[in-house]
Amino acid sequence: MYFLLAIGLWVTGSFTNASGTRAYQLYVPAGYVAGERRPLIVAIHGCTETPAEFAGLTRIAKLADEERLLILMPSQSALANTALCWNWFLPVNQQRGQGEPSIIKGMVDWTRGHYSVDDARIYVIGVSSGGYMTSVMLACYSDVFAAGMVASGGMYAGADDVYSGAYAALYGSQKDPNATGIDAYRCAGSVHPRAVPVLIFHGSNDPYVTVSNATQTLAQFAQLNDLGDDGVDNDSITTAPVASARGINFSWQRYAFGEEYIVNMGHAWAGGDPHFPYAEQPGPDETALMWSFLQRYARVSVRRRPTIK
């Protein structure tokens, strides 16, 4: 059936599985046509933030209308975390098919079942605790997501409980990014070729999630992609930059598996709407750079490989 949406529409709902229930908001853009497959961005908010606030901060509905993108925004429950943080630091939430990641994946599947989604162009982004959860989703569901963005967050499995999670945010994880990179590769079943492109965006003066988390995330995704490249830990992919540049208040580097922006700001979204918390007006347009990066990637099929021992 032909269906054209004249104006953008927010759809609210919830998803439940054995791991619990979480609400979500789904933005269906103006110009959406049923049957015409469009990219889907899963956007995961940070601590003390709601999906509506994250949407307003990033102006993501405007981007969605311009590019005809579906935007899925999971919502953390205050019953699960009183500060509305995603519990990325708990081992149950660092595995495929369990915990909060399985709920988010279930929301993706529901969206795919009810709207016209281009399965090769499903992306995930997140800020703060949502950035940490993005690392989890990219590691454990690399067969789902074509690329992602970790904003003001950190690496997969960088902590084991709330105390080590707080330490990791403030000072950097005590874990080796190369070791956790191997764990990240295993989480999705150890397949290759397996490209996991990632954009890392972080404030150099972030007082809540120190910038060393960006360095660790970079190293972890280099290890993950090194294994995903050919199934062998042989430094076929490294953290050696292939291009770099500097702006008025940011530095940028490109790698074989992604990009990194370090901006002279705190815990914020660069170029965000000042009517919402965590907006940083000076600097590059984080939302525009996010989409510029993501749209270059489409997920490719993979073949199974033996799990690394």
C-alpha atoms as a PDB file:
ATOM      1  CA  MET A   1       0.000   0.000   0.000  1.00  0.00           C
ATOM      2  CA  TYR A   2       1.322   3.446  -0.925  1.00  0.00           C
ATOM      3  CA  PHE A   3       1.639   5.786   2.035  1.00  0.00           C
ATOM      4  CA  LEU A   4       3.278   9.233   2.158  1.00  0.00           C
ATOM      5  CA  LEU A   5       3.765  11.106   5.427  1.00  0.00           C
ATOM      6  CA  ALA A   6       3.374  14.851   4.880  1.00  0.00           C
ATOM      7  CA  ILE A   7       4.843  15.909   8.234  1.00  0.00           C
ATOM      8  CA  GLY A   8       7.183  14.219  10.697  1.00  0.00           C
ATOM      9  CA  LEU A   9       5.574  12.091  13.382  1.00  0.00           C
ATOM     10  CA  TRP A  10       6.763  10.919  16.817  1.00  0.00           C
ATOM     11  CA  VAL A  11       5.553   7.434  17.748  1.00  0.00           C
ATOM     12  CA  THR A  12       5.835   6.324  21.381  1.00  0.00           C
ATOM     13  CA  GLY A  13       5.752   2.826  22.746  1.00  0.00           C
ATOM     14  CA  SER A  14       7.576   0.264  24.838  1.00  0.00           C
ATOM     15  CA  PHE A  15       9.336  -3.036  24.319  1.00  0.00           C
ATOM     16  CA  THR A  16       9.452  -5.958  26.728  1.00  0.00           C
ATOM     17  CA  ASN A  17      11.511  -9.134  26.792  1.00  0.00           C
ATOM     18  CA  ALA A  18      12.956 -11.390  29.490  1.00  0.00           C
ATOM     19  CA  SER A  19      15.426  -8.643  30.461  1.00  0.00           C
ATOM     20  CA  GLY A  20      12.757  -6.045  31.196  1.00  0.00           C
ATOM     21  CA  THR A  21      10.738  -3.213  29.687  1.00  0.00           C
ATOM     22  CA  ARG A  22      11.908   0.086  28.258  1.00  0.00           C
ATOM     23  CA  ALA A  23       9.991   2.849  26.508  1.00  0.00           C
ATOM     24  CA  TYR A  24      11.057   4.347  23.196  1.00  0.00           C
ATOM     25  CA  GLN A  25      10.286   7.195  20.847  1.00  0.00           C
ATOM     26  CA  LEU A  26      10.424   6.677  17.101  1.00  0.00           C
ATOM     27  CA  TYR A  27      10.564   9.582  14.677  1.00  0.00           C
ATOM     28  CA  VAL A  28       9.050   8.929  11.255  1.00  0.00           C
ATOM     29  CA  PRO A  29      10.226  11.751   8.974  1.00  0.00           C
ATOM     30  CA  ALA A  30       8.285  13.963   6.645  1.00  0.00           C
ATOM     31  CA  GLY A  31       8.380  12.421   3.198  1.00  0.00           C
ATOM     32  CA  TYR A  32       8.419   8.861   4.540  1.00  0.00           C
ATOM     33  CA  VAL A  33       6.923   6.472   1.993  1.00  0.00           C
ATOM     34  CA  ALA A  34       5.895   2.993   3.106  1.00  0.00           C
ATOM     35  CA  GLY A  35       7.765   0.433   1.043  1.00  0.00           C
ATOM     36  CA  GLU A  36      10.696   2.739   0.335  1.00  0.00           C
ATOM     37  CA  ARG A  37      13.477   1.493   2.592  1.00  0.00           C
ATOM     38  CA  ARG A  38      15.189   4.246   4.572  1.00  0.00           C
ATOM     39  CA  PRO A  39      18.181   4.361   6.955  1.00  0.00           C
ATOM     40  CA  LEU A  40      17.529   3.924  10.676  1.00  0.00           C
ATOM     41  CA  ILE A  41      19.557   5.664  13.390  1.00  0.00           C
ATOM     42  CA  VAL A  42      19.291   4.342  16.938  1.00  0.00           C
ATOM     43  CA  ALA A  43      20.095   7.323  19.198  1.00  0.00           C
ATOM     44  CA  ILE A  44      20.823   6.504  22.857  1.00  0.00           C
ATOM     45  CA  HIS A  45      20.593   9.358  25.372  1.00  0.00           C
ATOM     46  CA  GLY A  46      22.937  10.005  28.285  1.00  0.00           C
ATOM     47  CA  CYS A  47      22.574  10.293  32.059  1.00  0.00           C
ATOM     48  CA  THR A  48      19.976  12.741  33.475  1.00  0.00           C
ATOM     49  CA  GLU A  49      18.575  13.040  29.947  1.00  0.00           C
ATOM     50  CA  THR A  50      15.406  11.899  28.207  1.00  0.00           C
ATOM     51  CA  PRO A  51      15.013  10.927  24.562  1.00  0.00           C
ATOM     52  CA  ALA A  52      13.062  14.149  23.977  1.00  0.00           C
ATOM     53  CA  GLU A  53      15.913  16.234  25.421  1.00  0.00           C
ATOM     54  CA  PHE A  54      18.507  14.356  23.381  1.00  0.00           C
ATOM     55  CA  ALA A  55      16.401  14.850  20.261  1.00  0.00           C
ATOM     56  CA  GLY A  56      16.092  18.565  20.953  1.00  0.00           C
ATOM     57  CA  LEU A  57      19.767  18.989  21.797  1.00  0.00           C
ATOM     58  CA  THR A  58      20.906  17.333  18.568  1.00  0.00           C
ATOM     59  CA  ARG A  59      18.119  18.691  16.338  1.00  0.00           C
ATOM     60  CA  ILE A  60      17.907  15.146  15.054  1.00  0.00           C
ATOM     61  CA  ALA A  61      14.304  15.439  13.836  1.00  0.00           C
ATOM     62  CA  LYS A  62      15.378  18.260  11.512  1.00  0.00           C
ATOM     63  CA  LEU A  63      18.154  16.049  10.155  1.00  0.00           C
ATOM     64  CA  ALA A  64      15.675  13.187   9.787  1.00  0.00           C
ATOM     65  CA  ASP A  65      13.272  15.305   7.734  1.00  0.00           C
ATOM     66  CA  GLU A  66      16.082  16.564   5.502  1.00  0.00           C
ATOM     67  CA  GLU A  67      17.503  13.096   4.864  1.00  0.00           C
ATOM     68  CA  ARG A  68      14.326  11.029   5.385  1.00  0.00           C
ATOM     69  CA  LEU A  69      15.783   9.016   8.250  1.00  0.00           C
ATOM     70  CA  LEU A  70      13.956   6.931  10.810  1.00  0.00           C
ATOM     71  CA  ILE A  71      15.168   7.752  14.338  1.00  0.00           C
ATOM     72  CA  LEU A  72      14.703   5.262  17.184  1.00  0.00           C
ATOM     73  CA  MET A  73      15.355   6.634  20.674  1.00  0.00           C
ATOM     74  CA  PRO A  74      15.329   4.092  23.540  1.00  0.00           C
ATOM     75  CA  SER A  75      14.515   5.462  26.997  1.00  0.00           C
ATOM     76  CA  GLN A  76      16.201   4.328  30.196  1.00  0.00           C
ATOM     77  CA  SER A  77      13.877   3.640  33.116  1.00  0.00           C
ATOM     78  CA  ALA A  78      14.299   5.395  36.453  1.00  0.00           C
ATOM     79  CA  LEU A  79      13.587   2.013  38.027  1.00  0.00           C
ATOM     80  CA  ALA A  80      16.709   0.634  36.355  1.00  0.00           C
ATOM     81  CA  ASN A  81      18.887   3.673  37.088  1.00  0.00           C
ATOM     82  CA  THR A  82      17.721   6.683  39.085  1.00  0.00           C
ATOM     83  CA  ALA A  83      20.021   9.005  37.117  1.00  0.00           C
ATOM     84  CA  LEU A  84      18.664   7.600  33.825  1.00  0.00           C
ATOM     85  CA  CYS A  85      22.128   6.260  32.949  1.00  0.00           C
ATOM     86  CA  TRP A  86      22.383   3.127  30.839  1.00  0.00           C
ATOM     87  CA  ASN A  87      23.983   0.393  32.936  1.00  0.00           C
ATOM     88  CA  TRP A  88      26.824  -0.321  30.506  1.00  0.00           C
ATOM     89  CA  PHE A  89      29.164  -1.238  33.382  1.00  0.00           C
ATOM     90  CA  LEU A  90      27.257  -4.369  34.438  1.00  0.00           C
ATOM     91  CA  PRO A  91      28.432  -7.663  32.875  1.00  0.00           C
ATOM     92  CA  VAL A  92      24.845  -8.658  32.041  1.00  0.00           C
ATOM     93  CA  ASN A  93      24.716  -5.610  29.755  1.00  0.00           C
ATOM     94  CA  GLN A  94      27.948  -6.519  27.988  1.00  0.00           C
ATOM     95  CA  GLN A  95      26.625  -9.617  26.245  1.00  0.00           C
ATOM     96  CA  ARG A  96      24.666 -10.393  23.139  1.00  0.00           C
ATOM     97  CA  GLY A  97      21.082 -11.437  23.750  1.00  0.00           C
ATOM     98  CA  GLN A  98      20.954 -10.280  27.362  1.00  0.00           C
ATOM     99  CA  GLY A  99      20.198  -7.203  29.451  1.00  0.00           C
ATOM    100  CA  GLU A 100      19.651  -3.723  28.113  1.00  0.00           C
ATOM    101  CA  PRO A 101      21.401  -4.413  24.769  1.00  0.00           C
ATOM    102  CA  SER A 102      18.852  -7.141  24.013  1.00  0.00           C
ATOM    103  CA  ILE A 103      16.011  -4.714  24.740  1.00  0.00           C
ATOM    104  CA  ILE A 104      17.455  -2.117  22.363  1.00  0.00           C
ATOM    105  CA  LYS A 105      17.978  -4.807  19.711  1.00  0.00           C
ATOM    106  CA  GLY A 106      14.348  -5.854  20.228  1.00  0.00           C
ATOM    107  CA  MET A 107      13.242  -2.289  19.549  1.00  0.00           C
ATOM    108  CA  VAL A 108      15.247  -2.333  16.324  1.00  0.00           C
ATOM    109  CA  ASP A 109      13.545  -5.555  15.267  1.00  0.00           C
ATOM    110  CA  TRP A 110      10.120  -4.110  16.085  1.00  0.00           C
ATOM    111  CA  THR A 111      10.887  -1.042  13.972  1.00  0.00           C
ATOM    112  CA  ARG A 112      12.052  -3.223  11.089  1.00  0.00           C
ATOM    113  CA  GLY A 113       8.813  -5.175  11.317  1.00  0.00           C
ATOM    114  CA  HIS A 114       6.556  -2.110  11.221  1.00  0.00           C
ATOM    115  CA  TYR A 115       8.409   0.400   9.032  1.00  0.00           C
ATOM    116  CA  SER A 116      10.428   0.291   5.826  1.00  0.00           C
ATOM    117  CA  VAL A 117      14.016   0.065   7.079  1.00  0.00           C
ATOM    118  CA  ASP A 118      17.075  -0.411   4.899  1.00  0.00           C
ATOM    119  CA  ASP A 119      18.696  -3.299   6.772  1.00  0.00           C
ATOM    120  CA  ALA A 120      22.111  -2.435   5.335  1.00  0.00           C
ATOM    121  CA  ARG A 121      21.959   1.087   6.763  1.00  0.00           C
ATOM    122  CA  ILE A 122      21.106   0.739  10.435  1.00  0.00           C
ATOM    123  CA  TYR A 123      23.327   2.892  12.659  1.00  0.00           C
ATOM    124  CA  VAL A 124      23.728   3.487  16.375  1.00  0.00           C
ATOM    125  CA  ILE A 125      24.902   6.614  18.183  1.00  0.00           C
ATOM    126  CA  GLY A 126      24.977   7.585  21.831  1.00  0.00           C
ATOM    127  CA  VAL A 127      26.223  10.228  24.223  1.00  0.00           C
ATOM    128  CA  SER A 128      27.724   9.780  27.699  1.00  0.00           C
ATOM    129  CA  SER A 129      26.333   6.514  29.159  1.00  0.00           C
ATOM    130  CA  GLY A 130      24.586   6.138  25.801  1.00  0.00           C
ATOM    131  CA  GLY A 131      28.025   6.390  24.202  1.00  0.00           C
ATOM    132  CA  TYR A 132      29.249   3.511  26.330  1.00  0.00           C
ATOM    133  CA  MET A 133      26.150   1.546  25.369  1.00  0.00           C
ATOM    134  CA  THR A 134      26.853   2.333  21.722  1.00  0.00           C
ATOM    135  CA  SER A 135      30.221   0.593  22.087  1.00  0.00           C
ATOM    136  CA  VAL A 136      28.362  -2.433  23.454  1.00  0.00           C
ATOM    137  CA  MET A 137      25.870  -2.460  20.580  1.00  0.00           C
ATOM    138  CA  LEU A 138      28.583  -2.101  17.925  1.00  0.00           C
ATOM    139  CA  ALA A 139      30.627  -4.894  19.497  1.00  0.00           C
ATOM    140  CA  CYS A 140      27.849  -7.378  20.194  1.00  0.00           C
ATOM    141  CA  TYR A 141      25.583  -6.636  17.217  1.00  0.00           C
ATOM    142  CA  SER A 142      28.026  -5.881  14.414  1.00  0.00           C
ATOM    143  CA  ASP A 143      25.781  -7.957  12.163  1.00  0.00           C
ATOM    144  CA  VAL A 144      23.054  -5.351  12.686  1.00  0.00           C
ATOM    145  CA  PHE A 145      24.793  -1.974  12.627  1.00  0.00           C
ATOM    146  CA  ALA A 146      26.692  -0.577   9.666  1.00  0.00           C
ATOM    147  CA  ALA A 147      28.536   2.047  11.744  1.00  0.00           C
ATOM    148  CA  GLY A 148      28.216   4.092  14.906  1.00  0.00           C
ATOM    149  CA  MET A 149      29.261   7.114  16.912  1.00  0.00           C
ATOM    150  CA  VAL A 150      30.543   7.124  20.496  1.00  0.00           C
ATOM    151  CA  ALA A 151      30.091  10.666  21.844  1.00  0.00           C
ATOM    152  CA  SER A 152      31.533  11.588  25.257  1.00  0.00           C
ATOM    153  CA  GLY A 153      31.516   7.891  26.136  1.00  0.00           C
ATOM    154  CA  GLY A 154      33.922   5.004  26.413  1.00  0.00           C
ATOM    155  CA  MET A 155      34.833   1.513  25.335  1.00  0.00           C
ATOM    156  CA  TYR A 156      32.999  -1.790  25.568  1.00  0.00           C
ATOM    157  CA  ALA A 157      33.289  -3.683  28.889  1.00  0.00           C
ATOM    158  CA  GLY A 158      35.516  -1.049  30.471  1.00  0.00           C
ATOM    159  CA  ALA A 159      34.098  -1.794  33.940  1.00  0.00           C
ATOM    160  CA  ASP A 160      32.497  -4.621  35.915  1.00  0.00           C
ATOM    161  CA  ASP A 161      30.276  -2.768  38.398  1.00  0.00           C
ATOM    162  CA  VAL A 162      29.057   0.706  39.331  1.00  0.00           C
ATOM    163  CA  TYR A 163      32.257   1.546  41.231  1.00  0.00           C
ATOM    164  CA  SER A 164      34.680   0.615  38.465  1.00  0.00           C
ATOM    165  CA  GLY A 165      32.279   2.300  36.036  1.00  0.00           C
ATOM    166  CA  ALA A 166      32.515   5.580  37.945  1.00  0.00           C
ATOM    167  CA  TYR A 167      36.312   5.232  38.073  1.00  0.00           C
ATOM    168  CA  ALA A 168      36.503   4.540  34.335  1.00  0.00           C
ATOM    169  CA  ALA A 169      34.437   7.627  33.539  1.00  0.00           C
ATOM    170  CA  LEU A 170      36.509   9.924  35.752  1.00  0.00           C
ATOM    171  CA  TYR A 171      39.997   8.507  35.142  1.00  0.00           C
ATOM    172  CA  GLY A 172      39.819   6.003  32.304  1.00  0.00           C
ATOM    173  CA  SER A 173      39.272   2.268  32.452  1.00  0.00           C
ATOM    174  CA  GLN A 174      41.782   0.096  34.298  1.00  0.00           C
ATOM    175  CA  LYS A 175      41.333  -2.553  31.604  1.00  0.00           C
ATOM    176  CA  ASP A 176      43.572  -3.085  28.585  1.00  0.00           C
ATOM    177  CA  PRO A 177      41.771  -1.897  25.408  1.00  0.00           C
ATOM    178  CA  ASN A 178      43.470  -4.615  23.374  1.00  0.00           C
ATOM    179  CA  ALA A 179      42.169  -7.333  25.695  1.00  0.00           C
ATOM    180  CA  THR A 180      38.663  -5.883  25.742  1.00  0.00           C
ATOM    181  CA  GLY A 181      38.912  -5.477  21.970  1.00  0.00           C
ATOM    182  CA  ILE A 182      39.290  -9.239  21.694  1.00  0.00           C
ATOM    183  CA  ASP A 183      36.287  -9.650  23.984  1.00  0.00           C
ATOM    184  CA  ALA A 184      34.342  -7.217  21.790  1.00  0.00           C
ATOM    185  CA  TYR A 185      35.180  -9.296  18.717  1.00  0.00           C
ATOM    186  CA  ARG A 186      33.987 -12.448  20.451  1.00  0.00           C
ATOM    187  CA  CYS A 187      30.698 -10.881  21.575  1.00  0.00           C
ATOM    188  CA  ALA A 188      29.126 -10.983  18.114  1.00  0.00           C
ATOM    189  CA  GLY A 189      30.415 -14.457  17.365  1.00  0.00           C
ATOM    190  CA  SER A 190      33.872 -13.763  15.925  1.00  0.00           C
ATOM    191  CA  VAL A 191      33.123 -13.253  12.247  1.00  0.00           C
ATOM    192  CA  HIS A 192      35.083 -11.786   9.347  1.00  0.00           C
ATOM    193  CA  PRO A 193      35.234  -9.812   7.212  1.00  0.00           C
ATOM    194  CA  ARG A 194      33.703  -7.638   9.872  1.00  0.00           C
ATOM    195  CA  ALA A 195      34.040  -3.880   9.552  1.00  0.00           C
ATOM    196  CA  VAL A 196      32.875  -1.877  12.578  1.00  0.00           C
ATOM    197  CA  PRO A 197      33.352   1.780  11.553  1.00  0.00           C
ATOM    198  CA  VAL A 198      33.184   4.201  14.468  1.00  0.00           C
ATOM    199  CA  LEU A 199      33.231   7.960  14.915  1.00  0.00           C
ATOM    200  CA  ILE A 200      34.603   9.066  18.286  1.00  0.00           C
ATOM    201  CA  PHE A 201      33.659  12.547  19.501  1.00  0.00           C
ATOM    202  CA  HIS A 202      34.885  13.863  22.858  1.00  0.00           C
ATOM    203  CA  GLY A 203      35.526  17.058  24.794  1.00  0.00           C
ATOM    204  CA  SER A 204      39.134  17.664  25.780  1.00  0.00           C
ATOM    205  CA  ASN A 205      37.976  19.236  29.063  1.00  0.00           C
ATOM    206  CA  ASP A 206      35.207  16.768  29.923  1.00  0.00           C
ATOM    207  CA  PRO A 207      34.999  16.626  33.754  1.00  0.00           C
ATOM    208  CA  TYR A 208      32.616  13.651  33.873  1.00  0.00           C
ATOM    209  CA  VAL A 209      33.999  11.313  31.206  1.00  0.00           C
ATOM    210  CA  THR A 210      37.685  12.069  30.874  1.00  0.00           C
ATOM    211  CA  VAL A 211      39.130  12.313  27.393  1.00  0.00           C
ATOM    212  CA  SER A 212      41.357   9.268  27.971  1.00  0.00           C
ATOM    213  CA  ASN A 213      38.182   7.261  27.386  1.00  0.00           C
ATOM    214  CA  ALA A 214      38.285   8.395  23.759  1.00  0.00           C
ATOM    215  CA  THR A 215      41.867   7.131  23.442  1.00  0.00           C
ATOM    216  CA  GLN A 216      40.881   3.775  24.924  1.00  0.00           C
ATOM    217  CA  THR A 217      37.816   3.483  22.678  1.00  0.00           C
ATOM    218  CA  LEU A 218      39.997   4.194  19.666  1.00  0.00           C
ATOM    219  CA  ALA A 219      42.465   1.464  20.668  1.00  0.00           C
ATOM    220  CA  GLN A 220      39.700  -1.043  21.350  1.00  0.00           C
ATOM    221  CA  PHE A 221      37.997  -0.534  17.998  1.00  0.00           C
ATOM    222  CA  ALA A 222      41.356  -0.817  16.261  1.00  0.00           C
ATOM    223  CA  GLN A 223      41.813  -4.238  17.893  1.00  0.00           C
ATOM    224  CA  LEU A 224      38.237  -5.267  17.087  1.00  0.00           C
ATOM    225  CA  ASN A 225      38.652  -4.269  13.443  1.00  0.00           C
ATOM    226  CA  ASP A 226      42.099  -5.867  13.244  1.00  0.00           C
ATOM    227  CA  LEU A 227      40.512  -9.207  14.136  1.00  0.00           C
ATOM    228  CA  GLY A 228      37.466  -8.508  12.005  1.00  0.00           C
ATOM    229  CA  ASP A 229      39.614  -7.724   8.996  1.00  0.00           C
ATOM    230  CA  ASP A 230      40.991 -11.235   8.520  1.00  0.00           C
ATOM    231  CA  GLY A 231      40.333 -13.144  11.744  1.00  0.00           C
ATOM    232  CA  VAL A 232      43.952 -12.785  12.879  1.00  0.00           C
ATOM    233  CA  ASP A 233      45.524 -10.492  15.483  1.00  0.00           C
ATOM    234  CA  ASN A 234      48.245  -9.219  13.145  1.00  0.00           C
ATOM    235  CA  ASP A 235      47.971  -5.403  13.234  1.00  0.00           C
ATOM    236  CA  SER A 236      46.381  -5.260   9.799  1.00  0.00           C
ATOM    237  CA  ILE A 237      44.333  -2.434  11.362  1.00  0.00           C
ATOM    238  CA  THR A 238      46.004  -0.059  13.836  1.00  0.00           C
ATOM    239  CA  THR A 239      45.545   3.342  15.474  1.00  0.00           C
ATOM    240  CA  ALA A 240      47.943   4.929  12.973  1.00  0.00           C
ATOM    241  CA  PRO A 241      46.113   7.936  11.462  1.00  0.00           C
ATOM    242  CA  VAL A 242      45.836   8.170   7.696  1.00  0.00           C
ATOM    243  CA  ALA A 243      44.838  11.863   7.701  1.00  0.00           C
ATOM    244  CA  SER A 244      44.561  14.682  10.221  1.00  0.00           C
ATOM    245  CA  ALA A 245      43.520  18.323  10.498  1.00  0.00           C
ATOM    246  CA  ARG A 246      43.012  21.074  13.058  1.00  0.00           C
ATOM    247  CA  GLY A 247      40.253  23.639  13.366  1.00  0.00           C
ATOM    248  CA  ILE A 248      39.906  26.672  15.583  1.00  0.00           C
ATOM    249  CA  ASN A 249      38.994  24.606  18.630  1.00  0.00           C
ATOM    250  CA  PHE A 250      39.189  20.956  17.573  1.00  0.00           C
ATOM    251  CA  SER A 251      41.496  18.309  16.180  1.00  0.00           C
ATOM    252  CA  TRP A 252      40.448  15.588  13.746  1.00  0.00           C
ATOM    253  CA  GLN A 253      42.052  12.353  12.676  1.00  0.00           C
ATOM    254  CA  ARG A 254      40.989   9.651  10.257  1.00  0.00           C
ATOM    255  CA  TYR A 255      41.858   5.982  10.684  1.00  0.00           C
ATOM    256  CA  ALA A 256      41.356   2.867   8.592  1.00  0.00           C
ATOM    257  CA  PHE A 257      38.262   2.082  10.677  1.00  0.00           C
ATOM    258  CA  GLY A 258      36.851   5.508  11.540  1.00  0.00           C
ATOM    259  CA  GLU A 259      37.414   9.065  12.699  1.00  0.00           C
ATOM    260  CA  GLU A 260      38.037  10.971  15.921  1.00  0.00           C
ATOM    261  CA  TYR A 261      37.187  14.550  16.886  1.00  0.00           C
ATOM    262  CA  ILE A 262      38.600  16.052  20.080  1.00  0.00           C
ATOM    263  CA  VAL A 263      36.884  19.368  20.739  1.00  0.00           C
ATOM    264  CA  ASN A 264      37.859  22.086  23.208  1.00  0.00           C
ATOM    265  CA  MET A 265      34.739  21.666  25.367  1.00  0.00           C
ATOM    266  CA  GLY A 266      33.411  19.859  28.409  1.00  0.00           C
ATOM    267  CA  HIS A 267      30.713  17.190  28.635  1.00  0.00           C
ATOM    268  CA  ALA A 268      28.584  18.500  25.818  1.00  0.00           C
ATOM    269  CA  TRP A 269      27.190  18.162  22.299  1.00  0.00           C
ATOM    270  CA  ALA A 270      29.013  20.541  19.954  1.00  0.00           C
ATOM    271  CA  GLY A 271      26.697  22.849  18.050  1.00  0.00           C
ATOM    272  CA  GLY A 272      23.726  21.682  20.097  1.00  0.00           C
ATOM    273  CA  ASP A 273      20.507  23.608  20.616  1.00  0.00           C
ATOM    274  CA  PRO A 274      21.138  25.961  23.588  1.00  0.00           C
ATOM    275  CA  HIS A 275      17.576  25.456  24.836  1.00  0.00           C
ATOM    276  CA  PHE A 276      18.620  22.018  26.083  1.00  0.00           C
ATOM    277  CA  PRO A 277      21.179  20.807  28.641  1.00  0.00           C
ATOM    278  CA  TYR A 278      24.692  19.868  27.479  1.00  0.00           C
ATOM    279  CA  ALA A 279      24.709  22.196  24.480  1.00  0.00           C
ATOM    280  CA  GLU A 280      28.058  23.611  23.382  1.00  0.00           C
ATOM    281  CA  GLN A 281      27.643  26.412  20.866  1.00  0.00           C
ATOM    282  CA  PRO A 282      31.213  26.940  19.619  1.00  0.00           C
ATOM    283  CA  GLY A 283      32.896  24.261  17.627  1.00  0.00           C
ATOM    284  CA  PRO A 284      31.907  21.970  14.757  1.00  0.00           C
ATOM    285  CA  ASP A 285      28.337  20.822  14.158  1.00  0.00           C
ATOM    286  CA  GLU A 286      28.381  17.413  15.830  1.00  0.00           C
ATOM    287  CA  THR A 287      25.062  16.298  14.347  1.00  0.00           C
ATOM    288  CA  ALA A 288      26.086  17.160  10.798  1.00  0.00           C
ATOM    289  CA  LEU A 289      29.470  15.473  11.192  1.00  0.00           C
ATOM    290  CA  MET A 290      27.781  12.414  12.653  1.00  0.00           C
ATOM    291  CA  TRP A 291      25.560  11.947   9.603  1.00  0.00           C
ATOM    292  CA  SER A 292      28.353  12.809   7.191  1.00  0.00           C
ATOM    293  CA  PHE A 293      30.324   9.924   8.694  1.00  0.00           C
ATOM    294  CA  LEU A 294      27.530   7.358   9.022  1.00  0.00           C
ATOM    295  CA  GLN A 295      26.082   7.750   5.551  1.00  0.00           C
ATOM    296  CA  ARG A 296      29.329   6.543   3.996  1.00  0.00           C
ATOM    297  CA  TYR A 297      28.781   3.024   5.329  1.00  0.00           C
ATOM    298  CA  ALA A 298      26.483   0.137   4.531  1.00  0.00           C
ATOM    299  CA  ARG A 299      26.681  -3.203   6.303  1.00  0.00           C
ATOM    300  CA  VAL A 300      28.170  -6.064   4.323  1.00  0.00           C
ATOM    301  CA  SER A 301      27.450  -9.750   4.836  1.00  0.00           C
ATOM    302  CA  VAL A 302      29.935 -11.788   6.868  1.00  0.00           C
ATOM    303  CA  ARG A 303      30.957 -15.413   7.026  1.00  0.00           C
ATOM    304  CA  ARG A 304      31.378 -17.410  10.200  1.00  0.00           C
ATOM    305  CA  ARG A 305      34.798 -18.047  11.642  1.00  0.00           C
ATOM    306  CA  PRO A 306      35.876 -20.140  14.609  1.00  0.00           C
ATOM    307  CA  THR A 307      35.822 -18.292  17.909  1.00  0.00           C
ATOM    308  CA  ILE A 308      39.238 -17.105  19.101  1.00  0.00           C
ATOM    309  CA  LYS A 309      40.544 -19.151  22.014  1.00  0.00           C
END
